[in-house]
C-alpha atoms as a PDB file:
ATOM      1  CA  MET A   1       6.385  -3.290  14.311  1.00  0.00           C
ATOM      2  CA  ALA A   2       4.593  -6.138  13.139  1.00  0.00           C
ATOM      3  CA  ASP A   3       6.202  -9.531  13.267  1.00  0.00           C
ATOM      4  CA  TRP A   4       5.126 -10.251   9.756  1.00  0.00           C
ATOM      5  CA  ILE A   5       6.946  -7.302   8.136  1.00  0.00           C
ATOM      6  CA  LYS A   6      10.026  -8.337  10.279  1.00  0.00           C
ATOM      7  CA  ARG A   7       9.858 -12.012   9.295  1.00  0.00           C
ATOM      8  CA  GLU A   8       9.308 -10.810   5.545  1.00  0.00           C
ATOM      9  CA  ILE A   9      12.370  -8.660   5.404  1.00  0.00           C
ATOM     10  CA  SER A  10      14.519 -11.104   7.227  1.00  0.00           C
ATOM     11  CA  GLU A  11      13.378 -13.969   4.806  1.00  0.00           C
ATOM     12  CA  GLY A  12      13.979 -11.874   1.868  1.00  0.00           C
ATOM     13  CA  LEU A  13      17.352 -10.662   2.844  1.00  0.00           C
ATOM     14  CA  LYS A  14      18.537 -14.242   3.511  1.00  0.00           C
ATOM     15  CA  ARG A  15      17.582 -15.138   0.076  1.00  0.00           C
ATOM     16  CA  LEU A  16      19.439 -12.019  -1.432  1.00  0.00           C
ATOM     17  CA  MET A  17      22.567 -13.165   0.757  1.00  0.00           C
ATOM     18  CA  CYS A  18      22.409 -16.834  -1.031  1.00  0.00           C
ATOM     19  CA  LEU A  19      22.833 -15.125  -4.293  1.00  0.00           C
ATOM     20  CA  GLY A  20      26.399 -13.845  -3.537  1.00  0.00           C
ATOM     21  CA  LEU A  21      25.622 -10.073  -4.980  1.00  0.00           C
ATOM     22  CA  GLU A  22      28.268  -7.757  -5.257  1.00  0.00           C
ATOM     23  CA  ARG A  23      28.430  -5.677  -2.103  1.00  0.00           C
ATOM     24  CA  THR A  24      26.410  -8.131   0.021  1.00  0.00           C
ATOM     25  CA  PRO A  25      27.034  -7.275   3.833  1.00  0.00           C
ATOM     26  CA  ALA A  26      28.897  -9.535   5.885  1.00  0.00           C
ATOM     27  CA  ALA A  27      26.843 -12.301   7.956  1.00  0.00           C
ATOM     28  CA  GLU A  28      27.767 -10.359  11.061  1.00  0.00           C
ATOM     29  CA  VAL A  29      25.977  -7.144  10.223  1.00  0.00           C
ATOM     30  CA  ILE A  30      22.814  -8.771   8.475  1.00  0.00           C
ATOM     31  CA  GLN A  31      20.689  -8.243  11.807  1.00  0.00           C
ATOM     32  CA  LEU A  32      21.619  -4.784  11.622  1.00  0.00           C
ATOM     33  CA  THR A  33      20.971  -4.520   8.123  1.00  0.00           C
ATOM     34  CA  ALA A  34      17.668  -5.964   8.598  1.00  0.00           C
ATOM     35  CA  ALA A  35      16.814  -3.478  11.260  1.00  0.00           C
ATOM     36  CA  VAL A  36      17.683  -0.541   8.966  1.00  0.00           C
ATOM     37  CA  TRP A  37      15.754  -2.151   6.292  1.00  0.00           C
ATOM     38  CA  LEU A  38      12.808  -2.420   8.290  1.00  0.00           C
ATOM     39  CA  GLU A  39      13.078   1.122   9.622  1.00  0.00           C
ATOM     40  CA  ALA A  40      13.550   2.459   5.962  1.00  0.00           C
ATOM     41  CA  ILE A  41      10.521   0.626   4.658  1.00  0.00           C
ATOM     42  CA  THR A  42       8.040   1.338   7.518  1.00  0.00           C
ATOM     43  CA  GLU A  43       8.867   4.986   8.291  1.00  0.00           C
ATOM     44  CA  GLY A  44       5.697   6.923   7.471  1.00  0.00           C
ATOM     45  CA  ARG A  45       3.720   4.156   5.851  1.00  0.00           C
ATOM     46  CA  GLN A  46       0.905   1.910   7.024  1.00  0.00           C
ATOM     47  CA  TYR A  47       1.150  -1.959   5.908  1.00  0.00           C
ATOM     48  CA  ASP A  48      -1.604  -4.522   6.246  1.00  0.00           C
ATOM     49  CA  ALA A  49      -0.672  -8.205   6.615  1.00  0.00           C
ATOM     50  CA  GLN A  50      -3.264  -9.459   4.259  1.00  0.00           C
ATOM     51  CA  LEU A  51      -2.466  -7.202   1.561  1.00  0.00           C
ATOM     52  CA  ASP A  52       1.204  -6.566   1.603  1.00  0.00           C
ATOM     53  CA  THR A  53       2.608  -9.848   2.603  1.00  0.00           C
ATOM     54  CA  PRO A  54       2.289 -11.094  -1.075  1.00  0.00           C
ATOM     55  CA  ARG A  55       3.790  -7.765  -2.219  1.00  0.00           C
ATOM     56  CA  PHE A  56       6.807  -8.075  -0.007  1.00  0.00           C
ATOM     57  CA  LYS A  57       7.358 -11.688  -1.169  1.00  0.00           C
ATOM     58  CA  ARG A  58       7.012 -10.545  -4.628  1.00  0.00           C
ATOM     59  CA  GLY A  59       9.289  -7.365  -4.451  1.00  0.00           C
ATOM     60  CA  PHE A  60      12.145  -9.670  -2.974  1.00  0.00           C
ATOM     61  CA  ALA A  61      11.523 -12.083  -5.810  1.00  0.00           C
ATOM     62  CA  VAL A  62      11.848  -9.323  -8.389  1.00  0.00           C
ATOM     63  CA  LEU A  63      15.128  -8.171  -6.535  1.00  0.00           C
ATOM     64  CA  CYS A  64      16.511 -11.709  -6.612  1.00  0.00           C
ATOM     65  CA  ARG A  65      16.035 -12.082 -10.383  1.00  0.00           C
ATOM     66  CA  GLN A  66      16.927  -8.718 -11.493  1.00  0.00           C
ATOM     67  CA  ARG A  67      20.063  -7.485  -9.257  1.00  0.00           C
ATOM     68  CA  LYS A  68      23.508  -8.089  -9.576  1.00  0.00           C
ATOM     69  CA  THR A  69      24.580  -5.886  -6.577  1.00  0.00           C
ATOM     70  CA  TRP A  70      22.906  -5.789  -3.202  1.00  0.00           C
ATOM     71  CA  PRO A  71      19.774  -3.639  -3.316  1.00  0.00           C
ATOM     72  CA  THR A  72      18.710  -0.662  -1.005  1.00  0.00           C
ATOM     73  CA  PRO A  73      15.317  -0.617   0.792  1.00  0.00           C
ATOM     74  CA  ALA A  74      14.161   1.807  -2.190  1.00  0.00           C
ATOM     75  CA  ASP A  75      14.865  -0.531  -4.509  1.00  0.00           C
ATOM     76  CA  LEU A  76      12.401  -3.141  -2.567  1.00  0.00           C
ATOM     77  CA  LEU A  77       9.799  -0.566  -2.545  1.00  0.00           C
ATOM     78  CA  GLU A  78      10.105   0.182  -6.610  1.00  0.00           C
ATOM     79  CA  ALA A  79      10.078  -3.568  -6.979  1.00  0.00           C
ATOM     80  CA  MET A  80       6.976  -3.998  -5.039  1.00  0.00           C
ATOM     81  CA  PRO A  81       3.812  -4.418  -6.805  1.00  0.00           C
ATOM     82  CA  PRO A  82       0.743  -2.164  -6.082  1.00  0.00           C
ATOM     83  CA  ARG A  83      -1.665  -3.133  -3.760  1.00  0.00           C
ATOM     84  CA  GLU A  84      -4.767  -5.230  -4.915  1.00  0.00           C
ATOM     85  CA  GLN A  85      -7.687  -3.049  -4.823  1.00  0.00           C
ATOM     86  CA  LEU A  86     -11.055  -4.356  -3.429  1.00  0.00           C
ATOM     87  CA  VAL A  87     -13.432  -5.061  -5.763  1.00  0.00           C
ATOM     88  CA  LEU A  88     -16.660  -3.165  -5.203  1.00  0.00           C
ATOM     89  CA  ALA A  89     -19.689  -4.948  -5.744  1.00  0.00           C
ATOM     90  CA  LYS A  90     -22.085  -3.347  -8.293  1.00  0.00           C
ATOM     91  CA  VAL A  91     -25.217  -3.249  -6.158  1.00  0.00           C
ATOM     92  CA  PRO A  92     -27.916  -0.919  -7.547  1.00  0.00           C
ATOM     93  CA  ILE A  93     -29.075   1.609  -4.636  1.00  0.00           C
ATOM     94  CA  PRO A  94     -32.962   1.696  -4.670  1.00  0.00           C
ATOM     95  CA  ALA A  95     -34.307   5.354  -5.268  1.00  0.00           C
ATOM     96  CA  ASN A  96     -36.464   6.583  -2.823  1.00  0.00           C
ATOM     97  CA  PRO A  97     -38.874   8.623  -4.750  1.00  0.00           C
ATOM     98  CA  GLU A  98     -39.915  10.887  -1.818  1.00  0.00           C
ATOM     99  CA  ARG A  99     -36.376  11.898  -1.065  1.00  0.00           C
ATOM    100  CA  ALA A 100     -35.655  12.495  -4.559  1.00  0.00           C
ATOM    101  CA  GLU A 101     -38.897  14.623  -4.784  1.00  0.00           C
ATOM    102  CA  ALA A 102     -38.073  16.375  -1.689  1.00  0.00           C
ATOM    103  CA  ALA A 103     -34.555  17.240  -3.043  1.00  0.00           C
ATOM    104  CA  ALA A 104     -35.665  18.449  -6.207  1.00  0.00           C
ATOM    105  CA  ALA A 105     -38.202  20.898  -4.656  1.00  0.00           C
ATOM    106  CA  GLU A 106     -35.487  22.294  -2.487  1.00  0.00           C
ATOM    107  CA  LEU A 107     -33.300  22.692  -5.215  1.00  0.00           C
ATOM    108  CA  GLY A 108     -35.795  24.211  -7.517  1.00  0.00           C
ATOM    109  CA  TRP A 109     -36.841  26.826  -4.565  1.00  0.00           C
ATOM    110  CA  GLY A 110     -33.043  27.665  -3.815  1.00  0.00           C
ATOM    111  CA  LEU A 111     -32.461  28.375  -7.482  1.00  0.00           C
ATOM    112  CA  ARG A 112     -35.653  30.727  -7.703  1.00  0.00           C
ATOM    113  CA  SER A 113     -34.808  32.592  -4.574  1.00  0.00           C
ATOM    114  CA  GLY A 114     -30.902  32.749  -4.938  1.00  0.00           C
ATOM    115  CA  ARG A 115     -30.503  31.030  -1.191  1.00  0.00           C
ATOM    116  CA  LYS A 116     -28.466  28.375  -0.072  1.00  0.00           C
ATOM    117  CA  VAL A 117     -29.264  25.164  -1.206  1.00  0.00           C
ATOM    118  CA  GLY A 118     -27.858  22.038   1.222  1.00  0.00           C
ATOM    119  CA  GLY A 119     -25.725  24.405   2.910  1.00  0.00           C
ATOM    120  CA  ARG A 120     -23.934  25.869   0.063  1.00  0.00           C
ATOM    121  CA  GLN A 121     -24.435  29.244  -1.802  1.00  0.00           C
END
């Protein structure tokens, strides 16, 4: 498992422990608690350090601000904001007149003959 996820969960749980929330686990079991959270949060999911570290931090900040009782891993997942989407540059794709003409001719021929065009019927 990625060290950055372990670190984020550990730091987040430490912050929650400082709040004295109802049903806070005992200090003696916090390492086991962190291991259970790690398993629950990462099972069947893929994370990226660059995209998801801020999400973990924000999710724990939301829990610290809103919770009165000790949260579950599912509460963290709900509190995490969605991933930032990469912005696609609007770069025009130059037209290739020869390719467009060939595609139009193929399409016209296929429609007239009733044959497959581009591998489709």
